[in-house]
């Protein structure tokens, strides 16, 4: 745009400056393009090899709650110039393969699979090994990325990425710091997990050497009729696990439903273990103890000493 046209547009409130050298149309108040942050992201990546990444991409995909805000994360190809915008942009030098770059409302952004990988590798300090909190974080984010929407909850659309897409992103990234922890997390990610606390509980069970639970399996009556669907279950030993989040289990209707589910569970010869946030401290020590007791009661014996006894 010629300088004269630029000055005319600014004088007539048709454009406003977002940052040095980047302008956006004022648009209409309710139009998405009127969002100054999104307009800035468009301006910073349009007709370039740069791509929105890390926490900013995660917010665009809905993986991290909250509004878009500075600092904005932008990746540039390795060896190229890093974006420098103090207090506004955090620049990264990472070559993102084009297969992992998508257009989201005119913004070049890393795909959900690559976004997960960025966050898994560069959490607060990166994965620290089999007991690192960052590995648990990578599992939680991964479960969220691959979770299909559930129609019974009024959710629509499709899962953001498949486990195979996460695996392909890890393969494409190659050898880099923290990749071993990411590969461990990748092996623990499962589809269908409904909450971060359920992901965290599954990870604690893994650390404790307990059998891996199925996620939201349908438990059927011997006649074949579906009777209940626990959050987690270990069918071999007939142990079901319910994570009781306060937001879902505090109404009279939900309480009656929970009691009925417990009765059905018992009738079928299962043991139901109910877990709350109070059980999740110290790597879920109390939760693991409760699950372990139920498993032993149902005939399970640990192959190795657990760390939560």
C-alpha atoms as a PDB file:
ATOM      1  CA  UNK A   1       0.000   0.000   0.000  1.00  0.00           C
ATOM      2  CA  UNK A   2       1.321   3.441  -0.896  1.00  0.00           C
ATOM      3  CA  UNK A   3       2.207   5.697   2.057  1.00  0.00           C
ATOM      4  CA  UNK A   4      -0.447   8.240   0.971  1.00  0.00           C
ATOM      5  CA  UNK A   5      -3.153   5.538   0.948  1.00  0.00           C
ATOM      6  CA  UNK A   6      -1.927   4.216   4.276  1.00  0.00           C
ATOM      7  CA  UNK A   7      -2.088   7.630   5.911  1.00  0.00           C
ATOM      8  CA  UNK A   8      -5.534   8.254   4.411  1.00  0.00           C
ATOM      9  CA  UNK A   9      -6.848   4.923   5.753  1.00  0.00           C
ATOM     10  CA  UNK A  10      -5.478   5.606   9.229  1.00  0.00           C
ATOM     11  CA  UNK A  11      -6.860   9.140   9.261  1.00  0.00           C
ATOM     12  CA  UNK A  12     -10.330   7.815   8.396  1.00  0.00           C
ATOM     13  CA  UNK A  13     -10.175   4.979  10.957  1.00  0.00           C
ATOM     14  CA  UNK A  14     -10.119   2.336   8.228  1.00  0.00           C
ATOM     15  CA  UNK A  15      -6.833   0.897   9.512  1.00  0.00           C
ATOM     16  CA  UNK A  16      -5.142   0.741  12.885  1.00  0.00           C
ATOM     17  CA  UNK A  17      -1.554  -0.157  13.673  1.00  0.00           C
ATOM     18  CA  UNK A  18      -1.005  -3.476  15.457  1.00  0.00           C
ATOM     19  CA  UNK A  19       2.769  -3.297  15.692  1.00  0.00           C
ATOM     20  CA  UNK A  20       5.602  -1.810  13.683  1.00  0.00           C
ATOM     21  CA  UNK A  21       4.878  -2.309   9.985  1.00  0.00           C
ATOM     22  CA  UNK A  22       1.642  -4.259  10.529  1.00  0.00           C
ATOM     23  CA  UNK A  23      -1.836  -2.776  10.161  1.00  0.00           C
ATOM     24  CA  UNK A  24      -5.340  -4.230  10.247  1.00  0.00           C
ATOM     25  CA  UNK A  25      -8.694  -3.088   8.977  1.00  0.00           C
ATOM     26  CA  UNK A  26     -11.049  -1.864  11.678  1.00  0.00           C
ATOM     27  CA  UNK A  27     -13.850  -4.088  10.307  1.00  0.00           C
ATOM     28  CA  UNK A  28     -17.120  -4.470  12.178  1.00  0.00           C
ATOM     29  CA  UNK A  29     -17.226  -4.978  15.968  1.00  0.00           C
ATOM     30  CA  UNK A  30     -18.538  -8.541  15.841  1.00  0.00           C
ATOM     31  CA  UNK A  31     -16.479  -9.797  12.920  1.00  0.00           C
ATOM     32  CA  UNK A  32     -13.665 -12.262  13.727  1.00  0.00           C
ATOM     33  CA  UNK A  33     -11.235 -10.252  11.610  1.00  0.00           C
ATOM     34  CA  UNK A  34     -11.794  -7.293  13.930  1.00  0.00           C
ATOM     35  CA  UNK A  35      -9.953  -9.216  16.681  1.00  0.00           C
ATOM     36  CA  UNK A  36      -6.651  -7.325  16.857  1.00  0.00           C
ATOM     37  CA  UNK A  37      -4.657 -10.310  18.138  1.00  0.00           C
ATOM     38  CA  UNK A  38      -5.828 -12.593  15.337  1.00  0.00           C
ATOM     39  CA  UNK A  39      -5.183  -9.829  12.843  1.00  0.00           C
ATOM     40  CA  UNK A  40      -1.681  -9.487  14.251  1.00  0.00           C
ATOM     41  CA  UNK A  41      -1.094 -13.235  13.896  1.00  0.00           C
ATOM     42  CA  UNK A  42      -2.221 -13.028  10.282  1.00  0.00           C
ATOM     43  CA  UNK A  43       0.082 -10.104   9.635  1.00  0.00           C
ATOM     44  CA  UNK A  44       3.087 -11.797  11.213  1.00  0.00           C
ATOM     45  CA  UNK A  45       2.722 -14.993   9.181  1.00  0.00           C
ATOM     46  CA  UNK A  46       1.109 -13.936   5.889  1.00  0.00           C
ATOM     47  CA  UNK A  47       3.296 -14.622   2.836  1.00  0.00           C
ATOM     48  CA  UNK A  48       6.123 -15.880   5.046  1.00  0.00           C
ATOM     49  CA  UNK A  49       7.552 -19.219   6.168  1.00  0.00           C
ATOM     50  CA  UNK A  50       6.706 -18.334   9.767  1.00  0.00           C
ATOM     51  CA  UNK A  51       4.045 -20.231  11.680  1.00  0.00           C
ATOM     52  CA  UNK A  52       2.155 -19.683  14.936  1.00  0.00           C
ATOM     53  CA  UNK A  53       3.245 -22.326  17.432  1.00  0.00           C
ATOM     54  CA  UNK A  54       3.554 -23.495  21.050  1.00  0.00           C
ATOM     55  CA  UNK A  55       1.110 -21.964  23.584  1.00  0.00           C
ATOM     56  CA  UNK A  56      -0.381 -19.567  21.038  1.00  0.00           C
ATOM     57  CA  UNK A  57      -1.219 -22.404  18.646  1.00  0.00           C
ATOM     58  CA  UNK A  58      -2.599 -24.406  21.567  1.00  0.00           C
ATOM     59  CA  UNK A  59      -4.975 -21.557  22.428  1.00  0.00           C
ATOM     60  CA  UNK A  60      -6.085 -21.313  18.799  1.00  0.00           C
ATOM     61  CA  UNK A  61      -6.902 -25.045  18.820  1.00  0.00           C
ATOM     62  CA  UNK A  62      -8.615 -24.849  22.226  1.00  0.00           C
ATOM     63  CA  UNK A  63      -6.041 -27.048  23.966  1.00  0.00           C
ATOM     64  CA  UNK A  64      -5.246 -24.326  26.489  1.00  0.00           C
ATOM     65  CA  UNK A  65      -8.148 -22.285  27.902  1.00  0.00           C
ATOM     66  CA  UNK A  66      -8.231 -18.520  27.852  1.00  0.00           C
ATOM     67  CA  UNK A  67      -7.969 -15.702  25.363  1.00  0.00           C
ATOM     68  CA  UNK A  68      -5.101 -15.143  22.968  1.00  0.00           C
ATOM     69  CA  UNK A  69      -2.570 -12.840  24.563  1.00  0.00           C
ATOM     70  CA  UNK A  70       1.066 -11.827  24.476  1.00  0.00           C
ATOM     71  CA  UNK A  71       3.638 -13.143  24.361  1.00  0.00           C
ATOM     72  CA  UNK A  72       2.757 -14.725  21.028  1.00  0.00           C
ATOM     73  CA  UNK A  73       4.814 -17.733  19.935  1.00  0.00           C
ATOM     74  CA  UNK A  74       6.066 -17.851  16.346  1.00  0.00           C
ATOM     75  CA  UNK A  75       8.386 -20.426  14.788  1.00  0.00           C
ATOM     76  CA  UNK A  76      10.735 -19.570  11.928  1.00  0.00           C
ATOM     77  CA  UNK A  77      12.800 -22.070   9.905  1.00  0.00           C
ATOM     78  CA  UNK A  78      16.048 -23.126  11.541  1.00  0.00           C
ATOM     79  CA  UNK A  79      18.898 -21.009  10.252  1.00  0.00           C
ATOM     80  CA  UNK A  80      16.628 -18.111   9.356  1.00  0.00           C
ATOM     81  CA  UNK A  81      15.949 -14.860  11.150  1.00  0.00           C
ATOM     82  CA  UNK A  82      13.967 -15.112  14.368  1.00  0.00           C
ATOM     83  CA  UNK A  83      11.016 -12.759  14.825  1.00  0.00           C
ATOM     84  CA  UNK A  84      11.987 -10.022  17.271  1.00  0.00           C
ATOM     85  CA  UNK A  85       9.136  -8.164  18.979  1.00  0.00           C
ATOM     86  CA  UNK A  86      10.095  -7.511  22.644  1.00  0.00           C
ATOM     87  CA  UNK A  87       7.247  -8.225  25.102  1.00  0.00           C
ATOM     88  CA  UNK A  88       4.996  -9.200  22.183  1.00  0.00           C
ATOM     89  CA  UNK A  89       6.520 -12.182  20.375  1.00  0.00           C
ATOM     90  CA  UNK A  90       8.592 -15.156  21.504  1.00  0.00           C
ATOM     91  CA  UNK A  91      10.507 -16.368  18.475  1.00  0.00           C
ATOM     92  CA  UNK A  92      11.533 -20.002  17.947  1.00  0.00           C
ATOM     93  CA  UNK A  93      13.897 -21.395  15.316  1.00  0.00           C
ATOM     94  CA  UNK A  94      12.280 -24.675  14.289  1.00  0.00           C
ATOM     95  CA  UNK A  95      11.694 -25.938  10.776  1.00  0.00           C
ATOM     96  CA  UNK A  96       8.091 -27.153  10.742  1.00  0.00           C
ATOM     97  CA  UNK A  97       7.362 -29.494   7.801  1.00  0.00           C
ATOM     98  CA  UNK A  98       4.554 -28.125   5.646  1.00  0.00           C
ATOM     99  CA  UNK A  99       2.437 -31.209   6.323  1.00  0.00           C
ATOM    100  CA  UNK A 100       2.178 -29.967   9.919  1.00  0.00           C
ATOM    101  CA  UNK A 101       1.216 -26.396   8.987  1.00  0.00           C
ATOM    102  CA  UNK A 102      -2.476 -25.560   8.587  1.00  0.00           C
ATOM    103  CA  UNK A 103      -4.517 -22.475   7.746  1.00  0.00           C
ATOM    104  CA  UNK A 104      -6.883 -21.540  10.559  1.00  0.00           C
ATOM    105  CA  UNK A 105      -8.965 -18.532   9.606  1.00  0.00           C
ATOM    106  CA  UNK A 106      -6.147 -17.066   7.555  1.00  0.00           C
ATOM    107  CA  UNK A 107      -3.500 -17.767  10.201  1.00  0.00           C
ATOM    108  CA  UNK A 108      -0.611 -20.139   9.522  1.00  0.00           C
ATOM    109  CA  UNK A 109      -0.543 -22.374  12.578  1.00  0.00           C
ATOM    110  CA  UNK A 110       1.101 -25.640  13.557  1.00  0.00           C
ATOM    111  CA  UNK A 111      -1.231 -28.636  13.333  1.00  0.00           C
ATOM    112  CA  UNK A 112      -2.671 -30.025  16.582  1.00  0.00           C
ATOM    113  CA  UNK A 113      -0.214 -32.940  16.425  1.00  0.00           C
ATOM    114  CA  UNK A 114       2.819 -30.671  16.017  1.00  0.00           C
ATOM    115  CA  UNK A 115       1.466 -28.255  18.637  1.00  0.00           C
ATOM    116  CA  UNK A 116       1.245 -31.141  21.096  1.00  0.00           C
ATOM    117  CA  UNK A 117       4.824 -32.087  20.268  1.00  0.00           C
ATOM    118  CA  UNK A 118       6.084 -28.524  20.774  1.00  0.00           C
ATOM    119  CA  UNK A 119       4.449 -28.352  24.198  1.00  0.00           C
ATOM    120  CA  UNK A 120       5.556 -31.861  25.151  1.00  0.00           C
ATOM    121  CA  UNK A 121       9.173 -31.038  24.346  1.00  0.00           C
ATOM    122  CA  UNK A 122       9.160 -27.540  25.773  1.00  0.00           C
ATOM    123  CA  UNK A 123       6.883 -27.612  28.776  1.00  0.00           C
ATOM    124  CA  UNK A 124       8.203 -25.674  31.764  1.00  0.00           C
ATOM    125  CA  UNK A 125      11.508 -27.579  31.570  1.00  0.00           C
ATOM    126  CA  UNK A 126      10.865 -30.426  29.119  1.00  0.00           C
ATOM    127  CA  UNK A 127      10.280 -34.094  29.964  1.00  0.00           C
ATOM    128  CA  UNK A 128      12.522 -35.360  32.754  1.00  0.00           C
ATOM    129  CA  UNK A 129      12.134 -39.100  32.454  1.00  0.00           C
ATOM    130  CA  UNK A 130       9.635 -41.764  33.488  1.00  0.00           C
ATOM    131  CA  UNK A 131       8.499 -39.991  36.648  1.00  0.00           C
ATOM    132  CA  UNK A 132       8.697 -36.405  35.436  1.00  0.00           C
ATOM    133  CA  UNK A 133       5.638 -34.222  35.835  1.00  0.00           C
ATOM    134  CA  UNK A 134       6.198 -33.033  32.279  1.00  0.00           C
ATOM    135  CA  UNK A 135       5.605 -36.558  30.957  1.00  0.00           C
ATOM    136  CA  UNK A 136       2.254 -36.559  32.743  1.00  0.00           C
ATOM    137  CA  UNK A 137       1.518 -33.178  31.163  1.00  0.00           C
ATOM    138  CA  UNK A 138       2.338 -34.574  27.716  1.00  0.00           C
ATOM    139  CA  UNK A 139      -0.054 -37.483  28.330  1.00  0.00           C
ATOM    140  CA  UNK A 140      -2.808 -35.123  29.484  1.00  0.00           C
ATOM    141  CA  UNK A 141      -2.440 -32.874  26.434  1.00  0.00           C
ATOM    142  CA  UNK A 142      -2.167 -35.882  24.135  1.00  0.00           C
ATOM    143  CA  UNK A 143      -5.350 -37.436  25.511  1.00  0.00           C
ATOM    144  CA  UNK A 144      -7.083 -34.120  24.878  1.00  0.00           C
ATOM    145  CA  UNK A 145      -5.808 -33.845  21.295  1.00  0.00           C
ATOM    146  CA  UNK A 146      -6.995 -37.334  20.295  1.00  0.00           C
ATOM    147  CA  UNK A 147     -10.299 -37.267  22.210  1.00  0.00           C
ATOM    148  CA  UNK A 148     -13.269 -37.639  19.829  1.00  0.00           C
ATOM    149  CA  UNK A 149     -16.241 -35.357  20.603  1.00  0.00           C
ATOM    150  CA  UNK A 150     -19.040 -37.144  22.481  1.00  0.00           C
ATOM    151  CA  UNK A 151     -22.515 -36.605  21.129  1.00  0.00           C
ATOM    152  CA  UNK A 152     -24.107 -37.422  24.487  1.00  0.00           C
ATOM    153  CA  UNK A 153     -22.381 -34.332  25.875  1.00  0.00           C
ATOM    154  CA  UNK A 154     -23.643 -32.190  23.005  1.00  0.00           C
ATOM    155  CA  UNK A 155     -20.197 -32.087  21.404  1.00  0.00           C
ATOM    156  CA  UNK A 156     -19.750 -31.913  17.638  1.00  0.00           C
ATOM    157  CA  UNK A 157     -16.911 -31.964  15.128  1.00  0.00           C
ATOM    158  CA  UNK A 158     -13.997 -34.382  15.054  1.00  0.00           C
ATOM    159  CA  UNK A 159     -10.926 -35.147  17.087  1.00  0.00           C
ATOM    160  CA  UNK A 160      -8.089 -32.700  16.552  1.00  0.00           C
ATOM    161  CA  UNK A 161      -5.575 -35.427  15.688  1.00  0.00           C
ATOM    162  CA  UNK A 162      -5.160 -39.192  15.771  1.00  0.00           C
ATOM    163  CA  UNK A 163      -2.534 -41.102  17.706  1.00  0.00           C
ATOM    164  CA  UNK A 164      -0.937 -42.046  14.387  1.00  0.00           C
ATOM    165  CA  UNK A 165      -0.621 -38.332  13.550  1.00  0.00           C
ATOM    166  CA  UNK A 166       1.113 -37.718  16.880  1.00  0.00           C
ATOM    167  CA  UNK A 167       3.425 -40.619  16.105  1.00  0.00           C
ATOM    168  CA  UNK A 168       4.201 -39.164  12.666  1.00  0.00           C
ATOM    169  CA  UNK A 169       5.009 -35.770  14.201  1.00  0.00           C
ATOM    170  CA  UNK A 170       7.451 -37.393  16.629  1.00  0.00           C
ATOM    171  CA  UNK A 171       9.045 -39.309  13.754  1.00  0.00           C
ATOM    172  CA  UNK A 172       9.384 -36.135  11.672  1.00  0.00           C
ATOM    173  CA  UNK A 173      10.962 -34.201  14.546  1.00  0.00           C
ATOM    174  CA  UNK A 174      13.774 -36.736  14.844  1.00  0.00           C
ATOM    175  CA  UNK A 175      16.403 -36.720  17.556  1.00  0.00           C
ATOM    176  CA  UNK A 176      16.167 -33.737  19.863  1.00  0.00           C
ATOM    177  CA  UNK A 177      16.396 -32.975  23.553  1.00  0.00           C
ATOM    178  CA  UNK A 178      13.511 -34.498  25.512  1.00  0.00           C
ATOM    179  CA  UNK A 179      12.295 -36.819  22.750  1.00  0.00           C
ATOM    180  CA  UNK A 180      12.669 -39.942  24.907  1.00  0.00           C
ATOM    181  CA  UNK A 181      10.196 -38.606  27.443  1.00  0.00           C
ATOM    182  CA  UNK A 182       7.844 -37.645  24.630  1.00  0.00           C
ATOM    183  CA  UNK A 183       8.010 -41.164  23.198  1.00  0.00           C
ATOM    184  CA  UNK A 184       7.122 -42.533  26.635  1.00  0.00           C
ATOM    185  CA  UNK A 185       4.146 -40.196  26.844  1.00  0.00           C
ATOM    186  CA  UNK A 186       3.081 -41.141  23.314  1.00  0.00           C
ATOM    187  CA  UNK A 187       2.887 -44.782  24.335  1.00  0.00           C
ATOM    188  CA  UNK A 188       0.444 -43.889  27.127  1.00  0.00           C
ATOM    189  CA  UNK A 189      -1.974 -41.667  25.199  1.00  0.00           C
ATOM    190  CA  UNK A 190      -5.433 -43.148  24.626  1.00  0.00           C
ATOM    191  CA  UNK A 191      -8.573 -41.991  22.836  1.00  0.00           C
ATOM    192  CA  UNK A 192     -11.776 -41.236  24.726  1.00  0.00           C
ATOM    193  CA  UNK A 193     -10.421 -39.852  28.011  1.00  0.00           C
ATOM    194  CA  UNK A 194     -12.871 -37.224  29.240  1.00  0.00           C
ATOM    195  CA  UNK A 195     -10.846 -35.162  31.713  1.00  0.00           C
ATOM    196  CA  UNK A 196      -7.277 -34.204  32.624  1.00  0.00           C
ATOM    197  CA  UNK A 197      -7.696 -35.854  36.016  1.00  0.00           C
ATOM    198  CA  UNK A 198      -8.564 -39.172  34.390  1.00  0.00           C
ATOM    199  CA  UNK A 199      -5.423 -38.846  32.257  1.00  0.00           C
ATOM    200  CA  UNK A 200      -3.375 -38.075  35.353  1.00  0.00           C
ATOM    201  CA  UNK A 201      -4.868 -41.055  37.193  1.00  0.00           C
ATOM    202  CA  UNK A 202      -4.026 -43.385  34.307  1.00  0.00           C
ATOM    203  CA  UNK A 203      -0.437 -42.114  34.399  1.00  0.00           C
ATOM    204  CA  UNK A 204      -0.182 -42.692  38.154  1.00  0.00           C
ATOM    205  CA  UNK A 205      -1.508 -46.235  37.656  1.00  0.00           C
ATOM    206  CA  UNK A 206       1.218 -46.780  35.053  1.00  0.00           C
ATOM    207  CA  UNK A 207       3.900 -45.589  37.483  1.00  0.00           C
ATOM    208  CA  UNK A 208       2.540 -47.888  40.182  1.00  0.00           C
ATOM    209  CA  UNK A 209       2.645 -50.963  37.952  1.00  0.00           C
ATOM    210  CA  UNK A 210      -1.120 -51.539  37.976  1.00  0.00           C
ATOM    211  CA  UNK A 211      -2.905 -53.130  35.006  1.00  0.00           C
ATOM    212  CA  UNK A 212      -3.757 -50.618  32.299  1.00  0.00           C
ATOM    213  CA  UNK A 213      -7.442 -49.661  32.434  1.00  0.00           C
ATOM    214  CA  UNK A 214      -9.723 -49.407  29.432  1.00  0.00           C
ATOM    215  CA  UNK A 215     -11.235 -45.972  28.784  1.00  0.00           C
ATOM    216  CA  UNK A 216     -15.035 -45.639  28.888  1.00  0.00           C
ATOM    217  CA  UNK A 217     -15.695 -49.310  28.063  1.00  0.00           C
ATOM    218  CA  UNK A 218     -19.275 -50.530  27.822  1.00  0.00           C
ATOM    219  CA  UNK A 219     -19.858 -53.208  30.465  1.00  0.00           C
ATOM    220  CA  UNK A 220     -22.585 -55.609  29.412  1.00  0.00           C
ATOM    221  CA  UNK A 221     -24.953 -57.929  31.222  1.00  0.00           C
ATOM    222  CA  UNK A 222     -24.352 -61.631  30.416  1.00  0.00           C
ATOM    223  CA  UNK A 223     -27.347 -61.350  28.067  1.00  0.00           C
ATOM    224  CA  UNK A 224     -25.427 -58.767  26.041  1.00  0.00           C
ATOM    225  CA  UNK A 225     -27.401 -55.737  27.195  1.00  0.00           C
ATOM    226  CA  UNK A 226     -25.173 -52.694  27.941  1.00  0.00           C
ATOM    227  CA  UNK A 227     -25.484 -51.922  31.651  1.00  0.00           C
ATOM    228  CA  UNK A 228     -22.966 -49.234  32.491  1.00  0.00           C
ATOM    229  CA  UNK A 229     -19.967 -47.331  31.164  1.00  0.00           C
ATOM    230  CA  UNK A 230     -17.332 -46.476  33.785  1.00  0.00           C
ATOM    231  CA  UNK A 231     -14.652 -43.854  33.260  1.00  0.00           C
ATOM    232  CA  UNK A 232     -11.964 -46.537  33.516  1.00  0.00           C
ATOM    233  CA  UNK A 233     -12.173 -50.291  33.942  1.00  0.00           C
ATOM    234  CA  UNK A 234      -9.995 -53.379  34.287  1.00  0.00           C
ATOM    235  CA  UNK A 235     -12.350 -56.092  32.965  1.00  0.00           C
ATOM    236  CA  UNK A 236      -9.996 -59.009  33.704  1.00  0.00           C
ATOM    237  CA  UNK A 237     -10.441 -58.344  37.430  1.00  0.00           C
ATOM    238  CA  UNK A 238     -13.866 -56.696  37.260  1.00  0.00           C
ATOM    239  CA  UNK A 239     -12.759 -53.399  38.747  1.00  0.00           C
ATOM    240  CA  UNK A 240     -14.353 -50.160  37.545  1.00  0.00           C
ATOM    241  CA  UNK A 241     -13.033 -46.710  38.387  1.00  0.00           C
ATOM    242  CA  UNK A 242     -15.057 -43.508  38.488  1.00  0.00           C
ATOM    243  CA  UNK A 243     -13.427 -40.115  38.787  1.00  0.00           C
ATOM    244  CA  UNK A 244     -15.970 -37.973  40.624  1.00  0.00           C
ATOM    245  CA  UNK A 245     -15.581 -34.386  39.455  1.00  0.00           C
ATOM    246  CA  UNK A 246     -17.696 -32.027  41.528  1.00  0.00           C
ATOM    247  CA  UNK A 247     -19.128 -30.273  38.493  1.00  0.00           C
ATOM    248  CA  UNK A 248     -20.696 -33.500  37.183  1.00  0.00           C
ATOM    249  CA  UNK A 249     -21.741 -35.313  40.339  1.00  0.00           C
ATOM    250  CA  UNK A 250     -23.342 -32.778  42.675  1.00  0.00           C
ATOM    251  CA  UNK A 251     -26.949 -32.588  41.429  1.00  0.00           C
ATOM    252  CA  UNK A 252     -29.715 -34.803  42.878  1.00  0.00           C
ATOM    253  CA  UNK A 253     -30.158 -36.484  39.483  1.00  0.00           C
ATOM    254  CA  UNK A 254     -26.464 -37.298  39.166  1.00  0.00           C
ATOM    255  CA  UNK A 255     -26.334 -38.620  42.731  1.00  0.00           C
ATOM    256  CA  UNK A 256     -29.244 -40.997  42.038  1.00  0.00           C
ATOM    257  CA  UNK A 257     -27.604 -42.063  38.790  1.00  0.00           C
ATOM    258  CA  UNK A 258     -24.318 -42.768  40.583  1.00  0.00           C
ATOM    259  CA  UNK A 259     -26.057 -44.860  43.255  1.00  0.00           C
ATOM    260  CA  UNK A 260     -27.886 -46.887  40.599  1.00  0.00           C
ATOM    261  CA  UNK A 261     -24.628 -47.449  38.709  1.00  0.00           C
ATOM    262  CA  UNK A 262     -22.961 -48.686  41.896  1.00  0.00           C
ATOM    263  CA  UNK A 263     -25.822 -51.128  42.490  1.00  0.00           C
ATOM    264  CA  UNK A 264     -25.547 -52.510  38.950  1.00  0.00           C
ATOM    265  CA  UNK A 265     -21.772 -52.794  39.279  1.00  0.00           C
ATOM    266  CA  UNK A 266     -22.148 -54.873  42.426  1.00  0.00           C
ATOM    267  CA  UNK A 267     -24.850 -57.066  40.890  1.00  0.00           C
ATOM    268  CA  UNK A 268     -22.484 -58.001  38.061  1.00  0.00           C
ATOM    269  CA  UNK A 269     -19.729 -58.989  40.480  1.00  0.00           C
ATOM    270  CA  UNK A 270     -17.610 -55.899  39.931  1.00  0.00           C
ATOM    271  CA  UNK A 271     -16.019 -53.568  42.478  1.00  0.00           C
ATOM    272  CA  UNK A 272     -16.431 -49.855  41.872  1.00  0.00           C
ATOM    273  CA  UNK A 273     -13.657 -47.532  43.066  1.00  0.00           C
ATOM    274  CA  UNK A 274     -14.666 -43.883  43.328  1.00  0.00           C
ATOM    275  CA  UNK A 275     -11.863 -41.333  43.157  1.00  0.00           C
ATOM    276  CA  UNK A 276     -11.999 -37.611  43.950  1.00  0.00           C
ATOM    277  CA  UNK A 277      -9.485 -34.777  43.845  1.00  0.00           C
ATOM    278  CA  UNK A 278      -8.670 -35.490  47.509  1.00  0.00           C
ATOM    279  CA  UNK A 279      -7.129 -38.824  46.455  1.00  0.00           C
ATOM    280  CA  UNK A 280      -4.834 -37.368  43.788  1.00  0.00           C
ATOM    281  CA  UNK A 281      -2.094 -35.692  45.842  1.00  0.00           C
ATOM    282  CA  UNK A 282       1.424 -37.161  46.001  1.00  0.00           C
ATOM    283  CA  UNK A 283       1.240 -38.927  42.616  1.00  0.00           C
ATOM    284  CA  UNK A 284      -2.249 -40.166  43.435  1.00  0.00           C
ATOM    285  CA  UNK A 285      -1.064 -42.205  46.420  1.00  0.00           C
ATOM    286  CA  UNK A 286      -4.494 -42.619  48.023  1.00  0.00           C
ATOM    287  CA  UNK A 287      -6.151 -43.300  44.659  1.00  0.00           C
ATOM    288  CA  UNK A 288      -3.604 -46.007  43.843  1.00  0.00           C
ATOM    289  CA  UNK A 289      -4.042 -47.596  47.261  1.00  0.00           C
ATOM    290  CA  UNK A 290      -7.815 -47.795  46.762  1.00  0.00           C
ATOM    291  CA  UNK A 291      -7.493 -49.282  43.277  1.00  0.00           C
ATOM    292  CA  UNK A 292      -4.817 -51.733  44.393  1.00  0.00           C
ATOM    293  CA  UNK A 293      -6.973 -52.993  47.281  1.00  0.00           C
ATOM    294  CA  UNK A 294      -9.888 -53.583  44.909  1.00  0.00           C
ATOM    295  CA  UNK A 295      -7.665 -55.443  42.443  1.00  0.00           C
ATOM    296  CA  UNK A 296      -6.191 -57.673  45.140  1.00  0.00           C
ATOM    297  CA  UNK A 297      -9.691 -58.406  46.430  1.00  0.00           C
ATOM    298  CA  UNK A 298     -10.566 -59.517  42.883  1.00  0.00           C
ATOM    299  CA  UNK A 299      -7.563 -61.833  42.586  1.00  0.00           C
ATOM    300  CA  UNK A 300      -4.808 -59.624  41.137  1.00  0.00           C
ATOM    301  CA  UNK A 301      -1.267 -59.924  42.442  1.00  0.00           C
ATOM    302  CA  UNK A 302       1.424 -57.329  41.670  1.00  0.00           C
ATOM    303  CA  UNK A 303       4.370 -58.465  39.561  1.00  0.00           C
ATOM    304  CA  UNK A 304       6.617 -55.972  41.328  1.00  0.00           C
ATOM    305  CA  UNK A 305       6.372 -54.012  44.588  1.00  0.00           C
ATOM    306  CA  UNK A 306       4.331 -50.856  44.105  1.00  0.00           C
ATOM    307  CA  UNK A 307       5.486 -47.445  45.227  1.00  0.00           C
ATOM    308  CA  UNK A 308       2.156 -46.535  46.829  1.00  0.00           C
ATOM    309  CA  UNK A 309       1.755 -49.213  49.481  1.00  0.00           C
END
